[in-house]
């Protein structure tokens, strides 16, 4: 029920990817090699980003389908992120130290 004089604006779902106030640096980058969800840990090769298997470089800020051709998408180069909202080609918890070296900090603060 909407109160008289107000309009129902719908609802919002919290973004559980972000986990703190450490400055986030984002850029638009070329994504290649698959369809990826927001929160995918990425590696870089030949100036393109793809799902990480060993050397993490960034976190994907939006869902993107680059399975048939390369696409542009926003990625985070720094920031604090929720472990439960991340995914990669390997167990993300094994990448925490390598991510920290890139000023990407992983927290376990919210269920996803």
PDB file of N, CA and C in Angstrom:
ATOM      1  N   UNK A   1       0.849  -1.179   0.000  1.00  0.00           N
ATOM      2  CA  UNK A   1       0.000   0.000   0.000  1.00  0.00           C
ATOM      3  C   UNK A   1       0.893   1.240   0.000  1.00  0.00           C
ATOM      4  N   UNK A   2       0.573   2.174  -0.848  1.00  0.00           N
ATOM      5  CA  UNK A   2       1.321   3.417  -0.948  1.00  0.00           C
ATOM      6  C   UNK A   2       0.571   4.510  -0.205  1.00  0.00           C
ATOM      7  N   UNK A   3       1.296   5.259   0.609  1.00  0.00           N
ATOM      8  CA  UNK A   3       0.712   6.356   1.364  1.00  0.00           C
ATOM      9  C   UNK A   3       0.319   7.464   0.399  1.00  0.00           C
ATOM     10  N   UNK A   4      -0.802   8.105   0.675  1.00  0.00           N
ATOM     11  CA  UNK A   4      -1.291   9.164  -0.200  1.00  0.00           C
ATOM     12  C   UNK A   4      -0.226  10.243  -0.381  1.00  0.00           C
ATOM     13  N   UNK A   5      -0.009  10.646  -1.632  1.00  0.00           N
ATOM     14  CA  UNK A   5       0.966  11.680  -1.951  1.00  0.00           C
ATOM     15  C   UNK A   5       2.351  11.132  -2.279  1.00  0.00           C
ATOM     16  N   UNK A   6       2.542   9.812  -2.131  1.00  0.00           N
ATOM     17  CA  UNK A   6       3.827   9.191  -2.428  1.00  0.00           C
ATOM     18  C   UNK A   6       3.657   8.182  -3.555  1.00  0.00           C
ATOM     19  N   UNK A   7       4.727   7.964  -4.285  1.00  0.00           N
ATOM     20  CA  UNK A   7       4.725   6.991  -5.372  1.00  0.00           C
ATOM     21  C   UNK A   7       5.646   5.844  -4.994  1.00  0.00           C
ATOM     22  N   UNK A   8       5.219   4.627  -5.238  1.00  0.00           N
ATOM     23  CA  UNK A   8       6.052   3.458  -4.982  1.00  0.00           C
ATOM     24  C   UNK A   8       7.216   3.476  -5.974  1.00  0.00           C
ATOM     25  N   UNK A   9       8.443   3.512  -5.471  1.00  0.00           N
ATOM     26  CA  UNK A   9       9.627   3.567  -6.315  1.00  0.00           C
ATOM     27  C   UNK A   9      10.268   2.198  -6.509  1.00  0.00           C
ATOM     28  N   UNK A  10       9.606   1.138  -6.059  1.00  0.00           N
ATOM     29  CA  UNK A  10      10.159  -0.198  -6.205  1.00  0.00           C
ATOM     30  C   UNK A  10      11.046  -0.551  -5.036  1.00  0.00           C
ATOM     31  N   UNK A  11      12.081  -1.351  -5.287  1.00  0.00           N
ATOM     32  CA  UNK A  11      12.972  -1.771  -4.220  1.00  0.00           C
ATOM     33  C   UNK A  11      14.402  -1.808  -4.736  1.00  0.00           C
ATOM     34  N   UNK A  12      15.319  -1.955  -3.821  1.00  0.00           N
ATOM     35  CA  UNK A  12      16.724  -2.037  -4.176  1.00  0.00           C
ATOM     36  C   UNK A  12      17.354  -3.224  -3.465  1.00  0.00           C
ATOM     37  N   UNK A  13      18.363  -3.784  -4.059  1.00  0.00           N
ATOM     38  CA  UNK A  13      19.114  -4.878  -3.455  1.00  0.00           C
ATOM     39  C   UNK A  13      20.513  -4.357  -3.178  1.00  0.00           C
ATOM     40  N   UNK A  14      20.983  -4.563  -1.964  1.00  0.00           N
ATOM     41  CA  UNK A  14      22.310  -4.080  -1.586  1.00  0.00           C
ATOM     42  C   UNK A  14      23.388  -4.727  -2.439  1.00  0.00           C
ATOM     43  N   UNK A  15      24.410  -3.962  -2.771  1.00  0.00           N
ATOM     44  CA  UNK A  15      25.540  -4.465  -3.533  1.00  0.00           C
ATOM     45  C   UNK A  15      26.532  -5.082  -2.547  1.00  0.00           C
ATOM     46  N   UNK A  16      26.529  -6.395  -2.425  1.00  0.00           N
ATOM     47  CA  UNK A  16      27.407  -7.073  -1.477  1.00  0.00           C
ATOM     48  C   UNK A  16      28.835  -7.216  -1.974  1.00  0.00           C
ATOM     49  N   UNK A  17      29.132  -6.753  -3.181  1.00  0.00           N
ATOM     50  CA  UNK A  17      30.495  -6.844  -3.700  1.00  0.00           C
ATOM     51  C   UNK A  17      31.437  -5.933  -2.917  1.00  0.00           C
ATOM     52  N   UNK A  18      30.993  -4.728  -2.630  1.00  0.00           N
ATOM     53  CA  UNK A  18      31.837  -3.751  -1.945  1.00  0.00           C
ATOM     54  C   UNK A  18      31.824  -4.026  -0.453  1.00  0.00           C
ATOM     55  N   UNK A  19      33.007  -3.907   0.192  1.00  0.00           N
ATOM     56  CA  UNK A  19      33.109  -4.293   1.594  1.00  0.00           C
ATOM     57  C   UNK A  19      33.841  -3.281   2.455  1.00  0.00           C
ATOM     58  N   UNK A  20      33.999  -2.062   2.002  1.00  0.00           N
ATOM     59  CA  UNK A  20      34.701  -1.083   2.810  1.00  0.00           C
ATOM     60  C   UNK A  20      34.903   0.213   2.062  1.00  0.00           C
ATOM     61  N   UNK A  21      35.617   1.115   2.700  1.00  0.00           N
ATOM     62  CA  UNK A  21      35.801   2.462   2.175  1.00  0.00           C
ATOM     63  C   UNK A  21      37.173   2.709   1.556  1.00  0.00           C
ATOM     64  N   UNK A  22      38.027   1.685   1.454  1.00  0.00           N
ATOM     65  CA  UNK A  22      39.317   1.889   0.809  1.00  0.00           C
ATOM     66  C   UNK A  22      39.052   2.417  -0.598  1.00  0.00           C
ATOM     67  N   UNK A  23      39.776   3.433  -1.029  1.00  0.00           N
ATOM     68  CA  UNK A  23      39.479   4.040  -2.339  1.00  0.00           C
ATOM     69  C   UNK A  23      39.458   3.021  -3.474  1.00  0.00           C
ATOM     70  N   UNK A  24      38.375   3.077  -4.236  1.00  0.00           N
ATOM     71  CA  UNK A  24      38.244   2.219  -5.411  1.00  0.00           C
ATOM     72  C   UNK A  24      38.677   3.006  -6.637  1.00  0.00           C
ATOM     73  N   UNK A  25      39.557   2.414  -7.408  1.00  0.00           N
ATOM     74  CA  UNK A  25      39.976   2.979  -8.682  1.00  0.00           C
ATOM     75  C   UNK A  25      39.384   2.087  -9.752  1.00  0.00           C
ATOM     76  N   UNK A  26      38.623   2.681 -10.660  1.00  0.00           N
ATOM     77  CA  UNK A  26      38.002   1.892 -11.724  1.00  0.00           C
ATOM     78  C   UNK A  26      38.382   2.459 -13.084  1.00  0.00           C
ATOM     79  N   UNK A  27      38.407   1.566 -14.058  1.00  0.00           N
ATOM     80  CA  UNK A  27      38.670   1.946 -15.441  1.00  0.00           C
ATOM     81  C   UNK A  27      37.767   1.116 -16.341  1.00  0.00           C
ATOM     82  N   UNK A  28      37.655   1.525 -17.580  1.00  0.00           N
ATOM     83  CA  UNK A  28      36.981   0.710 -18.594  1.00  0.00           C
ATOM     84  C   UNK A  28      38.074  -0.107 -19.284  1.00  0.00           C
ATOM     85  N   UNK A  29      37.857  -1.422 -19.372  1.00  0.00           N
ATOM     86  CA  UNK A  29      38.870  -2.314 -19.930  1.00  0.00           C
ATOM     87  C   UNK A  29      38.233  -3.287 -20.915  1.00  0.00           C
ATOM     88  N   UNK A  30      39.062  -3.928 -21.705  1.00  0.00           N
ATOM     89  CA  UNK A  30      38.606  -4.938 -22.659  1.00  0.00           C
ATOM     90  C   UNK A  30      38.560  -6.293 -21.970  1.00  0.00           C
ATOM     91  N   UNK A  31      37.385  -6.924 -22.000  1.00  0.00           N
ATOM     92  CA  UNK A  31      37.168  -8.235 -21.407  1.00  0.00           C
ATOM     93  C   UNK A  31      37.069  -9.247 -22.541  1.00  0.00           C
ATOM     94  N   UNK A  32      37.664 -10.421 -22.354  1.00  0.00           N
ATOM     95  CA  UNK A  32      37.678 -11.438 -23.409  1.00  0.00           C
ATOM     96  C   UNK A  32      37.500 -12.839 -22.837  1.00  0.00           C
ATOM     97  N   UNK A  33      37.042 -13.747 -23.665  1.00  0.00           N
ATOM     98  CA  UNK A  33      37.097 -15.166 -23.337  1.00  0.00           C
ATOM     99  C   UNK A  33      35.963 -15.792 -22.570  1.00  0.00           C
ATOM    100  N   UNK A  34      34.839 -15.111 -22.405  1.00  0.00           N
ATOM    101  CA  UNK A  34      33.741 -15.775 -21.710  1.00  0.00           C
ATOM    102  C   UNK A  34      32.681 -14.823 -21.220  1.00  0.00           C
ATOM    103  N   UNK A  35      31.712 -15.392 -20.536  1.00  0.00           N
ATOM    104  CA  UNK A  35      30.636 -14.633 -19.912  1.00  0.00           C
ATOM    105  C   UNK A  35      30.908 -14.614 -18.416  1.00  0.00           C
ATOM    106  N   UNK A  36      31.044 -13.428 -17.832  1.00  0.00           N
ATOM    107  CA  UNK A  36      31.473 -13.298 -16.445  1.00  0.00           C
ATOM    108  C   UNK A  36      30.479 -12.470 -15.634  1.00  0.00           C
ATOM    109  N   UNK A  37      30.290 -12.885 -14.383  1.00  0.00           N
ATOM    110  CA  UNK A  37      29.431 -12.178 -13.448  1.00  0.00           C
ATOM    111  C   UNK A  37      30.215 -11.056 -12.762  1.00  0.00           C
ATOM    112  N   UNK A  38      29.489 -10.075 -12.301  1.00  0.00           N
ATOM    113  CA  UNK A  38      30.095  -9.027 -11.466  1.00  0.00           C
ATOM    114  C   UNK A  38      30.789  -9.725 -10.299  1.00  0.00           C
ATOM    115  N   UNK A  39      31.999  -9.280  -9.971  1.00  0.00           N
ATOM    116  CA  UNK A  39      32.750  -9.888  -8.880  1.00  0.00           C
ATOM    117  C   UNK A  39      33.755 -10.925  -9.331  1.00  0.00           C
ATOM    118  N   UNK A  40      33.885 -11.127 -10.634  1.00  0.00           N
ATOM    119  CA  UNK A  40      34.879 -12.073 -11.143  1.00  0.00           C
ATOM    120  C   UNK A  40      36.273 -11.480 -10.982  1.00  0.00           C
ATOM    121  N   UNK A  41      37.183 -12.262 -10.437  1.00  0.00           N
ATOM    122  CA  UNK A  41      38.577 -11.850 -10.316  1.00  0.00           C
ATOM    123  C   UNK A  41      39.223 -12.070 -11.689  1.00  0.00           C
ATOM    124  N   UNK A  42      39.916 -11.031 -12.173  1.00  0.00           N
ATOM    125  CA  UNK A  42      40.449 -11.050 -13.531  1.00  0.00           C
ATOM    126  C   UNK A  42      41.975 -11.046 -13.564  1.00  0.00           C
ATOM    127  N   UNK A  43      42.521 -11.660 -14.599  1.00  0.00           N
ATOM    128  CA  UNK A  43      43.941 -11.581 -14.935  1.00  0.00           C
ATOM    129  C   UNK A  43      44.064 -10.793 -16.228  1.00  0.00           C
ATOM    130  N   UNK A  44      45.269 -10.273 -16.486  1.00  0.00           N
ATOM    131  CA  UNK A  44      45.489  -9.472 -17.685  1.00  0.00           C
ATOM    132  C   UNK A  44      46.510 -10.148 -18.592  1.00  0.00           C
ATOM    133  N   UNK A  45      46.195 -10.163 -19.891  1.00  0.00           N
ATOM    134  CA  UNK A  45      47.108 -10.696 -20.890  1.00  0.00           C
ATOM    135  C   UNK A  45      46.900  -9.924 -22.188  1.00  0.00           C
ATOM    136  N   UNK A  46      47.959  -9.407 -22.746  1.00  0.00           N
ATOM    137  CA  UNK A  46      47.887  -8.645 -24.001  1.00  0.00           C
ATOM    138  C   UNK A  46      46.869  -7.507 -23.926  1.00  0.00           C
ATOM    139  N   UNK A  47      46.859  -6.770 -22.833  1.00  0.00           N
ATOM    140  CA  UNK A  47      45.966  -5.629 -22.614  1.00  0.00           C
ATOM    141  C   UNK A  47      44.483  -6.005 -22.584  1.00  0.00           C
ATOM    142  N   UNK A  48      44.165  -7.286 -22.347  1.00  0.00           N
ATOM    143  CA  UNK A  48      42.789  -7.743 -22.205  1.00  0.00           C
ATOM    144  C   UNK A  48      42.680  -8.517 -20.898  1.00  0.00           C
ATOM    145  N   UNK A  49      41.487  -8.517 -20.341  1.00  0.00           N
ATOM    146  CA  UNK A  49      41.247  -9.188 -19.070  1.00  0.00           C
ATOM    147  C   UNK A  49      40.352 -10.402 -19.267  1.00  0.00           C
ATOM    148  N   UNK A  50      40.671 -11.473 -18.518  1.00  0.00           N
ATOM    149  CA  UNK A  50      39.884 -12.690 -18.543  1.00  0.00           C
ATOM    150  C   UNK A  50      39.860 -13.285 -17.142  1.00  0.00           C
ATOM    151  N   UNK A  51      39.061 -14.322 -16.912  1.00  0.00           N
ATOM    152  CA  UNK A  51      38.942 -14.899 -15.578  1.00  0.00           C
ATOM    153  C   UNK A  51      40.309 -15.339 -15.065  1.00  0.00           C
ATOM    154  N   UNK A  52      40.543 -15.103 -13.792  1.00  0.00           N
ATOM    155  CA  UNK A  52      41.842 -15.360 -13.175  1.00  0.00           C
ATOM    156  C   UNK A  52      42.009 -16.833 -12.831  1.00  0.00           C
ATOM    157  N   UNK A  53      43.217 -17.336 -13.080  1.00  0.00           N
ATOM    158  CA  UNK A  53      43.559 -18.675 -12.616  1.00  0.00           C
ATOM    159  C   UNK A  53      44.729 -18.628 -11.637  1.00  0.00           C
ATOM    160  N   UNK A  54      45.598 -17.612 -11.761  1.00  0.00           N
ATOM    161  CA  UNK A  54      46.750 -17.553 -10.864  1.00  0.00           C
ATOM    162  C   UNK A  54      47.232 -16.143 -10.531  1.00  0.00           C
ATOM    163  N   UNK A  55      47.272 -15.238 -11.479  1.00  0.00           N
ATOM    164  CA  UNK A  55      47.813 -13.895 -11.261  1.00  0.00           C
ATOM    165  C   UNK A  55      46.707 -12.845 -11.336  1.00  0.00           C
ATOM    166  N   UNK A  56      46.084 -12.511 -10.211  1.00  0.00           N
ATOM    167  CA  UNK A  56      44.969 -11.554 -10.221  1.00  0.00           C
ATOM    168  C   UNK A  56      45.430 -10.126 -10.473  1.00  0.00           C
ATOM    169  N   UNK A  57      44.600  -9.379 -11.192  1.00  0.00           N
ATOM    170  CA  UNK A  57      44.898  -7.983 -11.512  1.00  0.00           C
ATOM    171  C   UNK A  57      43.766  -7.039 -11.153  1.00  0.00           C
ATOM    172  N   UNK A  58      42.508  -7.521 -11.199  1.00  0.00           N
ATOM    173  CA  UNK A  58      41.365  -6.615 -11.050  1.00  0.00           C
ATOM    174  C   UNK A  58      40.108  -7.397 -10.686  1.00  0.00           C
ATOM    175  N   UNK A  59      39.057  -6.647 -10.342  1.00  0.00           N
ATOM    176  CA  UNK A  59      37.742  -7.211 -10.034  1.00  0.00           C
ATOM    177  C   UNK A  59      36.749  -6.627 -11.030  1.00  0.00           C
ATOM    178  N   UNK A  60      35.951  -7.479 -11.637  1.00  0.00           N
ATOM    179  CA  UNK A  60      34.939  -7.035 -12.595  1.00  0.00           C
ATOM    180  C   UNK A  60      33.800  -6.336 -11.858  1.00  0.00           C
ATOM    181  N   UNK A  61      33.461  -5.132 -12.290  1.00  0.00           N
ATOM    182  CA  UNK A  61      32.451  -4.313 -11.619  1.00  0.00           C
ATOM    183  C   UNK A  61      31.042  -4.526 -12.156  1.00  0.00           C
ATOM    184  N   UNK A  62      30.909  -5.231 -13.265  1.00  0.00           N
ATOM    185  CA  UNK A  62      29.605  -5.445 -13.873  1.00  0.00           C
ATOM    186  C   UNK A  62      29.608  -6.767 -14.641  1.00  0.00           C
ATOM    187  N   UNK A  63      28.435  -7.353 -14.796  1.00  0.00           N
ATOM    188  CA  UNK A  63      28.316  -8.580 -15.568  1.00  0.00           C
ATOM    189  C   UNK A  63      28.534  -8.272 -17.045  1.00  0.00           C
ATOM    190  N   UNK A  64      29.280  -9.148 -17.734  1.00  0.00           N
ATOM    191  CA  UNK A  64      29.579  -8.917 -19.147  1.00  0.00           C
ATOM    192  C   UNK A  64      29.674 -10.263 -19.878  1.00  0.00           C
ATOM    193  N   UNK A  65      29.165 -10.290 -21.103  1.00  0.00           N
ATOM    194  CA  UNK A  65      29.253 -11.488 -21.934  1.00  0.00           C
ATOM    195  C   UNK A  65      30.222 -11.217 -23.087  1.00  0.00           C
ATOM    196  N   UNK A  66      31.443 -11.704 -22.923  1.00  0.00           N
ATOM    197  CA  UNK A  66      32.474 -11.542 -23.952  1.00  0.00           C
ATOM    198  C   UNK A  66      32.824 -12.897 -24.550  1.00  0.00           C
ATOM    199  N   UNK A  67      31.837 -13.783 -24.609  1.00  0.00           N
ATOM    200  CA  UNK A  67      32.101 -15.126 -25.113  1.00  0.00           C
ATOM    201  C   UNK A  67      32.212 -15.163 -26.633  1.00  0.00           C
ATOM    202  N   UNK A  68      31.477 -14.312 -27.323  1.00  0.00           N
ATOM    203  CA  UNK A  68      31.556 -14.327 -28.789  1.00  0.00           C
ATOM    204  C   UNK A  68      32.477 -13.246 -29.351  1.00  0.00           C
ATOM    205  N   UNK A  69      32.641 -12.146 -28.621  1.00  0.00           N
ATOM    206  CA  UNK A  69      33.589 -11.097 -29.027  1.00  0.00           C
ATOM    207  C   UNK A  69      33.978 -10.293 -27.802  1.00  0.00           C
ATOM    208  N   UNK A  70      35.125  -9.624 -27.879  1.00  0.00           N
ATOM    209  CA  UNK A  70      35.611  -8.813 -26.773  1.00  0.00           C
ATOM    210  C   UNK A  70      34.619  -7.691 -26.475  1.00  0.00           C
ATOM    211  N   UNK A  71      34.473  -7.361 -25.189  1.00  0.00           N
ATOM    212  CA  UNK A  71      33.568  -6.291 -24.763  1.00  0.00           C
ATOM    213  C   UNK A  71      34.293  -5.349 -23.814  1.00  0.00           C
ATOM    214  N   UNK A  72      33.796  -4.138 -23.737  1.00  0.00           N
ATOM    215  CA  UNK A  72      34.296  -3.151 -22.788  1.00  0.00           C
ATOM    216  C   UNK A  72      33.453  -3.241 -21.514  1.00  0.00           C
ATOM    217  N   UNK A  73      34.120  -3.162 -20.363  1.00  0.00           N
ATOM    218  CA  UNK A  73      33.416  -3.209 -19.087  1.00  0.00           C
ATOM    219  C   UNK A  73      34.238  -2.479 -18.039  1.00  0.00           C
ATOM    220  N   UNK A  74      33.584  -2.087 -16.968  1.00  0.00           N
ATOM    221  CA  UNK A  74      34.256  -1.411 -15.861  1.00  0.00           C
ATOM    222  C   UNK A  74      34.886  -2.467 -14.958  1.00  0.00           C
ATOM    223  N   UNK A  75      36.140  -2.212 -14.568  1.00  0.00           N
ATOM    224  CA  UNK A  75      36.830  -3.074 -13.614  1.00  0.00           C
ATOM    225  C   UNK A  75      37.389  -2.216 -12.493  1.00  0.00           C
ATOM    226  N   UNK A  76      37.554  -2.833 -11.320  1.00  0.00           N
ATOM    227  CA  UNK A  76      38.182  -2.167 -10.178  1.00  0.00           C
ATOM    228  C   UNK A  76      39.638  -2.595 -10.095  1.00  0.00           C
ATOM    229  N   UNK A  77      40.534  -1.620  -9.961  1.00  0.00           N
ATOM    230  CA  UNK A  77      41.954  -1.897  -9.790  1.00  0.00           C
ATOM    231  C   UNK A  77      42.365  -1.883  -8.332  1.00  0.00           C
ATOM    232  N   UNK A  78      41.577  -1.228  -7.478  1.00  0.00           N
ATOM    233  CA  UNK A  78      41.820  -1.197  -6.038  1.00  0.00           C
ATOM    234  C   UNK A  78      40.481  -1.190  -5.315  1.00  0.00           C
ATOM    235  N   UNK A  79      40.510  -1.489  -4.019  1.00  0.00           N
ATOM    236  CA  UNK A  79      39.303  -1.413  -3.205  1.00  0.00           C
ATOM    237  C   UNK A  79      39.216  -2.556  -2.217  1.00  0.00           C
ATOM    238  N   UNK A  80      38.110  -2.553  -1.442  1.00  0.00           N
ATOM    239  CA  UNK A  80      37.811  -3.606  -0.479  1.00  0.00           C
ATOM    240  C   UNK A  80      36.581  -4.356  -0.972  1.00  0.00           C
ATOM    241  N   UNK A  81      36.677  -5.694  -1.028  1.00  0.00           N
ATOM    242  CA  UNK A  81      35.611  -6.495  -1.602  1.00  0.00           C
ATOM    243  C   UNK A  81      35.250  -7.669  -0.705  1.00  0.00           C
ATOM    244  N   UNK A  82      34.000  -8.095  -0.808  1.00  0.00           N
ATOM    245  CA  UNK A  82      33.443  -9.172  -0.005  1.00  0.00           C
ATOM    246  C   UNK A  82      33.812 -10.522  -0.628  1.00  0.00           C
ATOM    247  N   UNK A  83      34.493 -11.370   0.124  1.00  0.00           N
ATOM    248  CA  UNK A  83      34.922 -12.680  -0.368  1.00  0.00           C
ATOM    249  C   UNK A  83      33.745 -13.490  -0.914  1.00  0.00           C
ATOM    250  N   UNK A  84      32.598 -13.422  -0.245  1.00  0.00           N
ATOM    251  CA  UNK A  84      31.437 -14.226  -0.654  1.00  0.00           C
ATOM    252  C   UNK A  84      30.874 -13.800  -2.008  1.00  0.00           C
ATOM    253  N   UNK A  85      31.217 -12.588  -2.478  1.00  0.00           N
ATOM    254  CA  UNK A  85      30.684 -12.084  -3.747  1.00  0.00           C
ATOM    255  C   UNK A  85      31.666 -12.246  -4.903  1.00  0.00           C
ATOM    256  N   UNK A  86      32.842 -12.833  -4.638  1.00  0.00           N
ATOM    257  CA  UNK A  86      33.876 -12.972  -5.664  1.00  0.00           C
ATOM    258  C   UNK A  86      33.910 -14.380  -6.241  1.00  0.00           C
ATOM    259  N   UNK A  87      34.350 -14.486  -7.481  1.00  0.00           N
ATOM    260  CA  UNK A  87      34.557 -15.791  -8.096  1.00  0.00           C
ATOM    261  C   UNK A  87      35.743 -15.701  -9.048  1.00  0.00           C
ATOM    262  N   UNK A  88      36.345 -16.853  -9.312  1.00  0.00           N
ATOM    263  CA  UNK A  88      37.512 -16.917 -10.208  1.00  0.00           C
ATOM    264  C   UNK A  88      37.618 -18.329 -10.747  1.00  0.00           C
ATOM    265  N   UNK A  89      38.653 -18.576 -11.524  1.00  0.00           N
ATOM    266  CA  UNK A  89      38.898 -19.904 -12.055  1.00  0.00           C
ATOM    267  C   UNK A  89      39.487 -20.845 -11.014  1.00  0.00           C
ATOM    268  N   UNK A  90      39.796 -20.303  -9.844  1.00  0.00           N
ATOM    269  CA  UNK A  90      40.331 -21.075  -8.715  1.00  0.00           C
ATOM    270  C   UNK A  90      39.629 -20.596  -7.446  1.00  0.00           C
ATOM    271  N   UNK A  91      39.939 -21.218  -6.307  1.00  0.00           N
ATOM    272  CA  UNK A  91      39.402 -20.788  -5.016  1.00  0.00           C
ATOM    273  C   UNK A  91      39.931 -19.377  -4.720  1.00  0.00           C
ATOM    274  N   UNK A  92      39.044 -18.412  -4.617  1.00  0.00           N
ATOM    275  CA  UNK A  92      39.444 -17.008  -4.433  1.00  0.00           C
ATOM    276  C   UNK A  92      40.275 -16.829  -3.170  1.00  0.00           C
ATOM    277  N   UNK A  93      40.014 -17.606  -2.127  1.00  0.00           N
ATOM    278  CA  UNK A  93      40.773 -17.442  -0.882  1.00  0.00           C
ATOM    279  C   UNK A  93      42.266 -17.714  -1.079  1.00  0.00           C
ATOM    280  N   UNK A  94      42.643 -18.456  -2.135  1.00  0.00           N
ATOM    281  CA  UNK A  94      44.062 -18.701  -2.411  1.00  0.00           C
ATOM    282  C   UNK A  94      44.738 -17.498  -3.077  1.00  0.00           C
ATOM    283  N   UNK A  95      43.949 -16.516  -3.493  1.00  0.00           N
ATOM    284  CA  UNK A  95      44.486 -15.339  -4.186  1.00  0.00           C
ATOM    285  C   UNK A  95      44.601 -14.107  -3.284  1.00  0.00           C
ATOM    286  N   UNK A  96      44.207 -14.230  -2.020  1.00  0.00           N
ATOM    287  CA  UNK A  96      44.117 -13.061  -1.131  1.00  0.00           C
ATOM    288  C   UNK A  96      45.446 -12.318  -1.026  1.00  0.00           C
ATOM    289  N   UNK A  97      46.549 -13.019  -0.823  1.00  0.00           N
ATOM    290  CA  UNK A  97      47.846 -12.341  -0.688  1.00  0.00           C
ATOM    291  C   UNK A  97      48.253 -11.637  -1.979  1.00  0.00           C
ATOM    292  N   UNK A  98      48.011 -12.268  -3.111  1.00  0.00           N
ATOM    293  CA  UNK A  98      48.346 -11.648  -4.395  1.00  0.00           C
ATOM    294  C   UNK A  98      47.461 -10.433  -4.663  1.00  0.00           C
ATOM    295  N   UNK A  99      46.198 -10.511  -4.273  1.00  0.00           N
ATOM    296  CA  UNK A  99      45.298  -9.369  -4.438  1.00  0.00           C
ATOM    297  C   UNK A  99      45.724  -8.216  -3.530  1.00  0.00           C
ATOM    298  N   UNK A 100      46.124  -8.531  -2.294  1.00  0.00           N
ATOM    299  CA  UNK A 100      46.562  -7.492  -1.358  1.00  0.00           C
ATOM    300  C   UNK A 100      47.736  -6.715  -1.935  1.00  0.00           C
ATOM    301  N   UNK A 101      48.642  -7.398  -2.632  1.00  0.00           N
ATOM    302  CA  UNK A 101      49.797  -6.739  -3.253  1.00  0.00           C
ATOM    303  C   UNK A 101      49.362  -5.749  -4.332  1.00  0.00           C
ATOM    304  N   UNK A 102      48.147  -5.892  -4.846  1.00  0.00           N
ATOM    305  CA  UNK A 102      47.590  -4.989  -5.866  1.00  0.00           C
ATOM    306  C   UNK A 102      46.674  -3.928  -5.248  1.00  0.00           C
ATOM    307  N   UNK A 103      46.640  -3.836  -3.919  1.00  0.00           N
ATOM    308  CA  UNK A 103      45.740  -2.927  -3.183  1.00  0.00           C
ATOM    309  C   UNK A 103      44.272  -3.302  -3.380  1.00  0.00           C
ATOM    310  N   UNK A 104      44.040  -4.601  -3.516  1.00  0.00           N
ATOM    311  CA  UNK A 104      42.690  -5.146  -3.528  1.00  0.00           C
ATOM    312  C   UNK A 104      42.579  -5.975  -2.255  1.00  0.00           C
ATOM    313  N   UNK A 105      41.734  -5.520  -1.335  1.00  0.00           N
ATOM    314  CA  UNK A 105      41.616  -6.134  -0.026  1.00  0.00           C
ATOM    315  C   UNK A 105      40.325  -6.932   0.070  1.00  0.00           C
ATOM    316  N   UNK A 106      40.436  -8.158   0.578  1.00  0.00           N
ATOM    317  CA  UNK A 106      39.297  -9.059   0.662  1.00  0.00           C
ATOM    318  C   UNK A 106      38.853  -9.176   2.108  1.00  0.00           C
ATOM    319  N   UNK A 107      37.563  -9.030   2.343  1.00  0.00           N
ATOM    320  CA  UNK A 107      36.970  -9.154   3.672  1.00  0.00           C
ATOM    321  C   UNK A 107      35.902 -10.232   3.644  1.00  0.00           C
ATOM    322  N   UNK A 108      35.638 -10.789   4.815  1.00  0.00           N
ATOM    323  CA  UNK A 108      34.554 -11.756   4.951  1.00  0.00           C
ATOM    324  C   UNK A 108      33.527 -11.116   5.869  1.00  0.00           C
ATOM    325  N   UNK A 109      32.701 -10.252   5.295  1.00  0.00           N
ATOM    326  CA  UNK A 109      31.805  -9.476   6.149  1.00  0.00           C
ATOM    327  C   UNK A 109      30.329  -9.636   5.859  1.00  0.00           C
ATOM    328  N   UNK A 110      29.941 -10.151   4.719  1.00  0.00           N
ATOM    329  CA  UNK A 110      28.527 -10.260   4.382  1.00  0.00           C
ATOM    330  C   UNK A 110      28.281 -11.532   3.600  1.00  0.00           C
ATOM    331  N   UNK A 111      27.160 -12.176   3.898  1.00  0.00           N
ATOM    332  CA  UNK A 111      26.765 -13.326   3.083  1.00  0.00           C
ATOM    333  C   UNK A 111      26.278 -12.803   1.747  1.00  0.00           C
ATOM    334  N   UNK A 112      26.360 -13.621   0.727  1.00  0.00           N
ATOM    335  CA  UNK A 112      25.927 -13.183  -0.597  1.00  0.00           C
ATOM    336  C   UNK A 112      24.790 -14.039  -1.050  1.00  0.00           C
TER     337      UNK A 112
END
